[in-house]
Amino acid sequence: MVQVNLHVAEMHLSQPVDRVAAGEEITITKAGKPLARLVAVEPRPRRQLGTLAGKAWLADDWDPPEVNEEIARDFYESDDDWPFRSDR
């Protein structure tokens, strides 16, 4: 493990970061006492799109107009305020 003084790390941050990216572990010290450790970040695996394909389904009547109108009545003062009535 490599030790780097805080002042040196501040003045030349890219050098310790490059060494960490290459696989080294660096301890930052102040007056000879360890303060922090620089380690490489493990990359997150990329999310795979479509992993739930075929595993979820919606019923044919999951969003009927009657339910939308009922919800609209809960939020609007009158049916006339609701812009998406099915009888228009």
PDB file of N, CA and C in Angstrom:
ATOM      1  N   MET A   1       0.856  -1.182   0.000  1.00  0.00           N
ATOM      2  CA  MET A   1       0.000   0.000   0.000  1.00  0.00           C
ATOM      3  C   MET A   1       0.897   1.240   0.000  1.00  0.00           C
ATOM      4  N   VAL A   2       0.571   2.175  -0.863  1.00  0.00           N
ATOM      5  CA  VAL A   2       1.331   3.406  -1.019  1.00  0.00           C
ATOM      6  C   VAL A   2       0.735   4.476  -0.105  1.00  0.00           C
ATOM      7  N   GLN A   3       1.607   5.277   0.507  1.00  0.00           N
ATOM      8  CA  GLN A   3       1.147   6.393   1.327  1.00  0.00           C
ATOM      9  C   GLN A   3       1.533   7.697   0.657  1.00  0.00           C
ATOM     10  N   VAL A   4       0.596   8.646   0.641  1.00  0.00           N
ATOM     11  CA  VAL A   4       0.819   9.955   0.027  1.00  0.00           C
ATOM     12  C   VAL A   4       0.411  11.013   1.029  1.00  0.00           C
ATOM     13  N   ASN A   5       1.240  12.024   1.186  1.00  0.00           N
ATOM     14  CA  ASN A   5       0.934  13.133   2.076  1.00  0.00           C
ATOM     15  C   ASN A   5      -0.245  13.929   1.527  1.00  0.00           C
ATOM     16  N   LEU A   6      -1.088  14.445   2.404  1.00  0.00           N
ATOM     17  CA  LEU A   6      -2.286  15.191   2.005  1.00  0.00           C
ATOM     18  C   LEU A   6      -1.935  16.346   1.084  1.00  0.00           C
ATOM     19  N   HIS A   7      -0.886  17.088   1.398  1.00  0.00           N
ATOM     20  CA  HIS A   7      -0.502  18.231   0.568  1.00  0.00           C
ATOM     21  C   HIS A   7      -0.142  17.776  -0.842  1.00  0.00           C
ATOM     22  N   VAL A   8       0.612  16.700  -0.950  1.00  0.00           N
ATOM     23  CA  VAL A   8       0.993  16.181  -2.268  1.00  0.00           C
ATOM     24  C   VAL A   8      -0.249  15.706  -3.015  1.00  0.00           C
ATOM     25  N   ALA A   9      -1.161  15.025  -2.305  1.00  0.00           N
ATOM     26  CA  ALA A   9      -2.392  14.546  -2.941  1.00  0.00           C
ATOM     27  C   ALA A   9      -3.230  15.708  -3.448  1.00  0.00           C
ATOM     28  N   GLU A  10      -3.283  16.801  -2.683  1.00  0.00           N
ATOM     29  CA  GLU A  10      -4.048  17.977  -3.120  1.00  0.00           C
ATOM     30  C   GLU A  10      -3.439  18.611  -4.363  1.00  0.00           C
ATOM     31  N   MET A  11      -2.128  18.714  -4.381  1.00  0.00           N
ATOM     32  CA  MET A  11      -1.455  19.404  -5.484  1.00  0.00           C
ATOM     33  C   MET A  11      -1.427  18.566  -6.764  1.00  0.00           C
ATOM     34  N   HIS A  12      -1.429  17.251  -6.608  1.00  0.00           N
ATOM     35  CA  HIS A  12      -1.288  16.365  -7.770  1.00  0.00           C
ATOM     36  C   HIS A  12      -2.331  15.257  -7.716  1.00  0.00           C
ATOM     37  N   LEU A  13      -3.593  15.599  -7.572  1.00  0.00           N
ATOM     38  CA  LEU A  13      -4.655  14.612  -7.377  1.00  0.00           C
ATOM     39  C   LEU A  13      -4.740  13.602  -8.512  1.00  0.00           C
ATOM     40  N   SER A  14      -4.500  14.044  -9.722  1.00  0.00           N
ATOM     41  CA  SER A  14      -4.665  13.120 -10.857  1.00  0.00           C
ATOM     42  C   SER A  14      -3.678  11.954 -10.789  1.00  0.00           C
ATOM     43  N   GLN A  15      -2.491  12.169 -10.235  1.00  0.00           N
ATOM     44  CA  GLN A  15      -1.507  11.088 -10.170  1.00  0.00           C
ATOM     45  C   GLN A  15      -1.946   9.968  -9.228  1.00  0.00           C
ATOM     46  N   PRO A  16      -2.347  10.269  -7.975  1.00  0.00           N
ATOM     47  CA  PRO A  16      -2.837   9.175  -7.129  1.00  0.00           C
ATOM     48  C   PRO A  16      -4.090   8.505  -7.704  1.00  0.00           C
ATOM     49  N   VAL A  17      -4.971   9.277  -8.325  1.00  0.00           N
ATOM     50  CA  VAL A  17      -6.184   8.705  -8.906  1.00  0.00           C
ATOM     51  C   VAL A  17      -5.827   7.761 -10.051  1.00  0.00           C
ATOM     52  N   ASP A  18      -4.863   8.137 -10.874  1.00  0.00           N
ATOM     53  CA  ASP A  18      -4.424   7.253 -11.960  1.00  0.00           C
ATOM     54  C   ASP A  18      -3.844   5.957 -11.408  1.00  0.00           C
ATOM     55  N   ARG A  19      -3.081   6.050 -10.334  1.00  0.00           N
ATOM     56  CA  ARG A  19      -2.490   4.848  -9.736  1.00  0.00           C
ATOM     57  C   ARG A  19      -3.568   3.941  -9.146  1.00  0.00           C
ATOM     58  N   VAL A  20      -4.590   4.554  -8.536  1.00  0.00           N
ATOM     59  CA  VAL A  20      -5.698   3.768  -7.984  1.00  0.00           C
ATOM     60  C   VAL A  20      -6.456   3.082  -9.120  1.00  0.00           C
ATOM     61  N   ALA A  21      -6.670   3.799 -10.207  1.00  0.00           N
ATOM     62  CA  ALA A  21      -7.373   3.213 -11.346  1.00  0.00           C
ATOM     63  C   ALA A  21      -6.587   2.033 -11.924  1.00  0.00           C
ATOM     64  N   ALA A  22      -5.271   2.048 -11.755  1.00  0.00           N
ATOM     65  CA  ALA A  22      -4.430   0.961 -12.253  1.00  0.00           C
ATOM     66  C   ALA A  22      -4.399  -0.219 -11.282  1.00  0.00           C
ATOM     67  N   GLY A  23      -5.077  -0.078 -10.127  1.00  0.00           N
ATOM     68  CA  GLY A  23      -5.167  -1.217  -9.215  1.00  0.00           C
ATOM     69  C   GLY A  23      -4.493  -1.031  -7.870  1.00  0.00           C
ATOM     70  N   GLU A  24      -3.783   0.066  -7.671  1.00  0.00           N
ATOM     71  CA  GLU A  24      -3.131   0.296  -6.376  1.00  0.00           C
ATOM     72  C   GLU A  24      -4.129   0.830  -5.362  1.00  0.00           C
ATOM     73  N   GLU A  25      -3.776   0.696  -4.104  1.00  0.00           N
ATOM     74  CA  GLU A  25      -4.545   1.288  -3.012  1.00  0.00           C
ATOM     75  C   GLU A  25      -3.637   2.319  -2.357  1.00  0.00           C
ATOM     76  N   ILE A  26      -4.149   3.528  -2.169  1.00  0.00           N
ATOM     77  CA  ILE A  26      -3.327   4.617  -1.647  1.00  0.00           C
ATOM     78  C   ILE A  26      -3.933   5.147  -0.356  1.00  0.00           C
ATOM     79  N   THR A  27      -3.070   5.330   0.652  1.00  0.00           N
ATOM     80  CA  THR A  27      -3.493   5.934   1.902  1.00  0.00           C
ATOM     81  C   THR A  27      -2.996   7.371   1.927  1.00  0.00           C
ATOM     82  N   ILE A  28      -3.896   8.293   2.218  1.00  0.00           N
ATOM     83  CA  ILE A  28      -3.531   9.703   2.325  1.00  0.00           C
ATOM     84  C   ILE A  28      -3.244   9.980   3.796  1.00  0.00           C
ATOM     85  N   THR A  29      -2.108  10.590   4.047  1.00  0.00           N
ATOM     86  CA  THR A  29      -1.681  10.841   5.425  1.00  0.00           C
ATOM     87  C   THR A  29      -1.499  12.328   5.668  1.00  0.00           C
ATOM     88  N   LYS A  30      -1.539  12.696   6.941  1.00  0.00           N
ATOM     89  CA  LYS A  30      -1.225  14.067   7.371  1.00  0.00           C
ATOM     90  C   LYS A  30      -0.366  13.926   8.614  1.00  0.00           C
ATOM     91  N   ALA A  31       0.810  14.492   8.565  1.00  0.00           N
ATOM     92  CA  ALA A  31       1.783  14.379   9.652  1.00  0.00           C
ATOM     93  C   ALA A  31       2.058  12.913   9.972  1.00  0.00           C
ATOM     94  N   GLY A  32       2.070  12.076   8.931  1.00  0.00           N
ATOM     95  CA  GLY A  32       2.388  10.667   9.097  1.00  0.00           C
ATOM     96  C   GLY A  32       1.231   9.805   9.584  1.00  0.00           C
ATOM     97  N   LYS A  33       0.086  10.393   9.854  1.00  0.00           N
ATOM     98  CA  LYS A  33      -1.066   9.631  10.341  1.00  0.00           C
ATOM     99  C   LYS A  33      -2.069   9.421   9.202  1.00  0.00           C
ATOM    100  N   PRO A  34      -2.550   8.188   9.033  1.00  0.00           N
ATOM    101  CA  PRO A  34      -3.508   7.923   7.952  1.00  0.00           C
ATOM    102  C   PRO A  34      -4.815   8.687   8.150  1.00  0.00           C
ATOM    103  N   LEU A  35      -5.287   9.305   7.076  1.00  0.00           N
ATOM    104  CA  LEU A  35      -6.561  10.048   7.103  1.00  0.00           C
ATOM    105  C   LEU A  35      -7.628   9.383   6.242  1.00  0.00           C
ATOM    106  N   ALA A  36      -7.227   8.944   5.080  1.00  0.00           N
ATOM    107  CA  ALA A  36      -8.201   8.403   4.126  1.00  0.00           C
ATOM    108  C   ALA A  36      -7.509   7.372   3.245  1.00  0.00           C
ATOM    109  N   ARG A  37      -8.345   6.565   2.602  1.00  0.00           N
ATOM    110  CA  ARG A  37      -7.823   5.557   1.689  1.00  0.00           C
ATOM    111  C   ARG A  37      -8.499   5.733   0.335  1.00  0.00           C
ATOM    112  N   LEU A  38      -7.710   5.770  -0.704  1.00  0.00           N
ATOM    113  CA  LEU A  38      -8.245   5.839  -2.065  1.00  0.00           C
ATOM    114  C   LEU A  38      -8.257   4.429  -2.637  1.00  0.00           C
ATOM    115  N   VAL A  39      -9.411   4.016  -3.089  1.00  0.00           N
ATOM    116  CA  VAL A  39      -9.554   2.709  -3.721  1.00  0.00           C
ATOM    117  C   VAL A  39     -10.399   2.881  -4.980  1.00  0.00           C
ATOM    118  N   ALA A  40     -10.224   1.979  -5.896  1.00  0.00           N
ATOM    119  CA  ALA A  40     -10.984   2.033  -7.145  1.00  0.00           C
ATOM    120  C   ALA A  40     -12.454   1.698  -6.878  1.00  0.00           C
ATOM    121  N   VAL A  41     -13.315   2.295  -7.640  1.00  0.00           N
ATOM    122  CA  VAL A  41     -14.751   2.041  -7.549  1.00  0.00           C
ATOM    123  C   VAL A  41     -15.082   0.878  -8.469  1.00  0.00           C
ATOM    124  N   GLU A  42     -15.837  -0.076  -7.939  1.00  0.00           N
ATOM    125  CA  GLU A  42     -16.280  -1.199  -8.767  1.00  0.00           C
ATOM    126  C   GLU A  42     -17.388  -0.703  -9.690  1.00  0.00           C
ATOM    127  N   PRO A  43     -17.252  -0.908 -10.975  1.00  0.00           N
ATOM    128  CA  PRO A  43     -18.310  -0.446 -11.885  1.00  0.00           C
ATOM    129  C   PRO A  43     -19.596  -1.249 -11.659  1.00  0.00           C
ATOM    130  N   ARG A  44     -20.711  -0.547 -11.742  1.00  0.00           N
ATOM    131  CA  ARG A  44     -22.010  -1.214 -11.626  1.00  0.00           C
ATOM    132  C   ARG A  44     -22.300  -1.956 -12.921  1.00  0.00           C
ATOM    133  N   PRO A  45     -22.890  -3.124 -12.803  1.00  0.00           N
ATOM    134  CA  PRO A  45     -23.277  -3.802 -14.045  1.00  0.00           C
ATOM    135  C   PRO A  45     -24.398  -3.018 -14.727  1.00  0.00           C
ATOM    136  N   ARG A  46     -24.368  -2.995 -16.032  1.00  0.00           N
ATOM    137  CA  ARG A  46     -25.416  -2.289 -16.783  1.00  0.00           C
ATOM    138  C   ARG A  46     -26.729  -3.026 -16.624  1.00  0.00           C
ATOM    139  N   ARG A  47     -27.790  -2.249 -16.487  1.00  0.00           N
ATOM    140  CA  ARG A  47     -29.110  -2.862 -16.394  1.00  0.00           C
ATOM    141  C   ARG A  47     -29.521  -3.403 -17.745  1.00  0.00           C
ATOM    142  N   GLN A  48     -30.087  -4.559 -17.718  1.00  0.00           N
ATOM    143  CA  GLN A  48     -30.545  -5.204 -18.948  1.00  0.00           C
ATOM    144  C   GLN A  48     -32.022  -4.878 -19.149  1.00  0.00           C
ATOM    145  N   LEU A  49     -32.341  -4.262 -20.264  1.00  0.00           N
ATOM    146  CA  LEU A  49     -33.728  -3.946 -20.562  1.00  0.00           C
ATOM    147  C   LEU A  49     -34.459  -5.203 -21.013  1.00  0.00           C
ATOM    148  N   GLY A  50     -35.709  -5.288 -20.640  1.00  0.00           N
ATOM    149  CA  GLY A  50     -36.540  -6.389 -21.096  1.00  0.00           C
ATOM    150  C   GLY A  50     -36.455  -7.637 -20.240  1.00  0.00           C
ATOM    151  N   THR A  51     -35.886  -7.544 -19.043  1.00  0.00           N
ATOM    152  CA  THR A  51     -35.756  -8.743 -18.216  1.00  0.00           C
ATOM    153  C   THR A  51     -37.094  -9.234 -17.685  1.00  0.00           C
ATOM    154  N   LEU A  52     -38.112  -8.384 -17.689  1.00  0.00           N
ATOM    155  CA  LEU A  52     -39.438  -8.806 -17.229  1.00  0.00           C
ATOM    156  C   LEU A  52     -40.381  -9.123 -18.390  1.00  0.00           C
ATOM    157  N   ALA A  53     -39.862  -9.126 -19.586  1.00  0.00           N
ATOM    158  CA  ALA A  53     -40.709  -9.400 -20.750  1.00  0.00           C
ATOM    159  C   ALA A  53     -41.358 -10.776 -20.612  1.00  0.00           C
ATOM    160  N   GLY A  54     -42.681 -10.801 -20.749  1.00  0.00           N
ATOM    161  CA  GLY A  54     -43.419 -12.053 -20.646  1.00  0.00           C
ATOM    162  C   GLY A  54     -43.723 -12.486 -19.227  1.00  0.00           C
ATOM    163  N   LYS A  55     -43.246 -11.751 -18.238  1.00  0.00           N
ATOM    164  CA  LYS A  55     -43.471 -12.128 -16.840  1.00  0.00           C
ATOM    165  C   LYS A  55     -44.567 -11.297 -16.181  1.00  0.00           C
ATOM    166  N   ALA A  56     -44.988 -10.230 -16.837  1.00  0.00           N
ATOM    167  CA  ALA A  56     -46.043  -9.375 -16.297  1.00  0.00           C
ATOM    168  C   ALA A  56     -47.131  -9.235 -17.354  1.00  0.00           C
ATOM    169  N   TRP A  57     -48.357  -9.041 -16.898  1.00  0.00           N
ATOM    170  CA  TRP A  57     -49.451  -8.855 -17.843  1.00  0.00           C
ATOM    171  C   TRP A  57     -50.467  -7.901 -17.237  1.00  0.00           C
ATOM    172  N   LEU A  58     -51.260  -7.307 -18.089  1.00  0.00           N
ATOM    173  CA  LEU A  58     -52.339  -6.418 -17.682  1.00  0.00           C
ATOM    174  C   LEU A  58     -53.648  -7.016 -18.176  1.00  0.00           C
ATOM    175  N   ALA A  59     -54.639  -6.972 -17.335  1.00  0.00           N
ATOM    176  CA  ALA A  59     -55.962  -7.448 -17.735  1.00  0.00           C
ATOM    177  C   ALA A  59     -56.497  -6.555 -18.842  1.00  0.00           C
ATOM    178  N   ASP A  60     -57.360  -7.093 -19.666  1.00  0.00           N
ATOM    179  CA  ASP A  60     -57.914  -6.319 -20.774  1.00  0.00           C
ATOM    180  C   ASP A  60     -58.688  -5.093 -20.301  1.00  0.00           C
ATOM    181  N   ASP A  61     -59.267  -5.178 -19.108  1.00  0.00           N
ATOM    182  CA  ASP A  61     -60.068  -4.062 -18.599  1.00  0.00           C
ATOM    183  C   ASP A  61     -59.348  -3.291 -17.493  1.00  0.00           C
ATOM    184  N   TRP A  62     -58.046  -3.232 -17.540  1.00  0.00           N
ATOM    185  CA  TRP A  62     -57.286  -2.588 -16.469  1.00  0.00           C
ATOM    186  C   TRP A  62     -57.508  -1.075 -16.413  1.00  0.00           C
ATOM    187  N   ASP A  63     -57.926  -0.471 -17.500  1.00  0.00           N
ATOM    188  CA  ASP A  63     -58.085   0.982 -17.540  1.00  0.00           C
ATOM    189  C   ASP A  63     -59.371   1.373 -18.268  1.00  0.00           C
ATOM    190  N   PRO A  64     -60.543   0.927 -17.771  1.00  0.00           N
ATOM    191  CA  PRO A  64     -61.783   1.246 -18.482  1.00  0.00           C
ATOM    192  C   PRO A  64     -62.181   2.717 -18.291  1.00  0.00           C
ATOM    193  N   PRO A  65     -62.921   3.283 -19.254  1.00  0.00           N
ATOM    194  CA  PRO A  65     -63.338   4.684 -19.158  1.00  0.00           C
ATOM    195  C   PRO A  65     -64.169   4.971 -17.913  1.00  0.00           C
ATOM    196  N   GLU A  66     -64.945   3.986 -17.446  1.00  0.00           N
ATOM    197  CA  GLU A  66     -65.780   4.225 -16.271  1.00  0.00           C
ATOM    198  C   GLU A  66     -64.914   4.514 -15.035  1.00  0.00           C
ATOM    199  N   VAL A  67     -63.837   3.795 -14.904  1.00  0.00           N
ATOM    200  CA  VAL A  67     -62.951   4.010 -13.760  1.00  0.00           C
ATOM    201  C   VAL A  67     -62.282   5.374 -13.873  1.00  0.00           C
ATOM    202  N   ASN A  68     -61.861   5.739 -15.077  1.00  0.00           N
ATOM    203  CA  ASN A  68     -61.249   7.054 -15.259  1.00  0.00           C
ATOM    204  C   ASN A  68     -62.227   8.168 -14.894  1.00  0.00           C
ATOM    205  N   GLU A  69     -63.489   8.002 -15.274  1.00  0.00           N
ATOM    206  CA  GLU A  69     -64.480   9.020 -14.941  1.00  0.00           C
ATOM    207  C   GLU A  69     -64.722   9.071 -13.436  1.00  0.00           C
ATOM    208  N   GLU A  70     -64.705   7.921 -12.780  1.00  0.00           N
ATOM    209  CA  GLU A  70     -64.887   7.897 -11.323  1.00  0.00           C
ATOM    210  C   GLU A  70     -63.726   8.602 -10.639  1.00  0.00           C
ATOM    211  N   ILE A  71     -62.547   8.355 -11.103  1.00  0.00           N
ATOM    212  CA  ILE A  71     -61.373   9.034 -10.539  1.00  0.00           C
ATOM    213  C   ILE A  71     -61.464  10.523 -10.810  1.00  0.00           C
ATOM    214  N   ALA A  72     -61.897  10.897 -12.003  1.00  0.00           N
ATOM    215  CA  ALA A  72     -62.029  12.312 -12.341  1.00  0.00           C
ATOM    216  C   ALA A  72     -63.010  13.002 -11.415  1.00  0.00           C
ATOM    217  N   ARG A  73     -64.119  12.339 -11.101  1.00  0.00           N
ATOM    218  CA  ARG A  73     -65.093  12.947 -10.192  1.00  0.00           C
ATOM    219  C   ARG A  73     -64.486  13.186  -8.813  1.00  0.00           C
ATOM    220  N   ASP A  74     -63.543  12.360  -8.421  1.00  0.00           N
ATOM    221  CA  ASP A  74     -62.878  12.560  -7.127  1.00  0.00           C
ATOM    222  C   ASP A  74     -61.977  13.790  -7.128  1.00  0.00           C
ATOM    223  N   PHE A  75     -61.485  14.199  -8.303  1.00  0.00           N
ATOM    224  CA  PHE A  75     -60.534  15.297  -8.373  1.00  0.00           C
ATOM    225  C   PHE A  75     -61.107  16.591  -8.925  1.00  0.00           C
ATOM    226  N   TYR A  76     -62.199  16.499  -9.666  1.00  0.00           N
ATOM    227  CA  TYR A  76     -62.787  17.686 -10.269  1.00  0.00           C
ATOM    228  C   TYR A  76     -64.143  17.961  -9.629  1.00  0.00           C
ATOM    229  N   GLU A  77     -64.524  19.221  -9.646  1.00  0.00           N
ATOM    230  CA  GLU A  77     -65.771  19.615  -9.004  1.00  0.00           C
ATOM    231  C   GLU A  77     -66.994  19.058  -9.721  1.00  0.00           C
ATOM    232  N   SER A  78     -66.941  18.998 -11.030  1.00  0.00           N
ATOM    233  CA  SER A  78     -68.067  18.450 -11.779  1.00  0.00           C
ATOM    234  C   SER A  78     -67.541  17.679 -12.986  1.00  0.00           C
ATOM    235  N   ASP A  79     -68.404  16.880 -13.571  1.00  0.00           N
ATOM    236  CA  ASP A  79     -68.007  16.106 -14.755  1.00  0.00           C
ATOM    237  C   ASP A  79     -67.621  17.023 -15.915  1.00  0.00           C
ATOM    238  N   ASP A  80     -68.180  18.224 -15.956  1.00  0.00           N
ATOM    239  CA  ASP A  80     -67.880  19.136 -17.052  1.00  0.00           C
ATOM    240  C   ASP A  80     -66.436  19.611 -17.017  1.00  0.00           C
ATOM    241  N   ASP A  81     -65.809  19.591 -15.829  1.00  0.00           N
ATOM    242  CA  ASP A  81     -64.411  20.013 -15.708  1.00  0.00           C
ATOM    243  C   ASP A  81     -63.451  18.951 -16.244  1.00  0.00           C
ATOM    244  N   TRP A  82     -63.893  17.718 -16.287  1.00  0.00           N
ATOM    245  CA  TRP A  82     -63.036  16.605 -16.714  1.00  0.00           C
ATOM    246  C   TRP A  82     -62.941  16.611 -18.242  1.00  0.00           C
ATOM    247  N   PRO A  83     -61.725  16.772 -18.780  1.00  0.00           N
ATOM    248  CA  PRO A  83     -61.574  16.954 -20.226  1.00  0.00           C
ATOM    249  C   PRO A  83     -61.665  15.663 -21.042  1.00  0.00           C
ATOM    250  N   PHE A  84     -61.669  14.491 -20.424  1.00  0.00           N
ATOM    251  CA  PHE A  84     -61.589  13.252 -21.197  1.00  0.00           C
ATOM    252  C   PHE A  84     -62.803  12.361 -20.986  1.00  0.00           C
ATOM    253  N   ARG A  85     -63.966  12.950 -20.969  1.00  0.00           N
ATOM    254  CA  ARG A  85     -65.171  12.139 -20.801  1.00  0.00           C
ATOM    255  C   ARG A  85     -65.403  11.289 -22.022  1.00  0.00           C
ATOM    256  N   SER A  86     -65.913  10.076 -21.837  1.00  0.00           N
ATOM    257  CA  SER A  86     -66.080   9.158 -22.963  1.00  0.00           C
ATOM    258  C   SER A  86     -67.275   9.508 -23.837  1.00  0.00           C
ATOM    259  N   ASP A  87     -68.221  10.315 -23.341  1.00  0.00           N
ATOM    260  CA  ASP A  87     -69.403  10.637 -24.135  1.00  0.00           C
ATOM    261  C   ASP A  87     -69.220  11.907 -24.975  1.00  0.00           C
ATOM    262  N   ARG A  88     -68.035  12.445 -25.044  1.00  0.00           N
ATOM    263  CA  ARG A  88     -67.785  13.658 -25.846  1.00  0.00           C
ATOM    264  C   ARG A  88     -67.211  13.318 -27.173  1.00  0.00           C
TER     265      ARG A  88
END
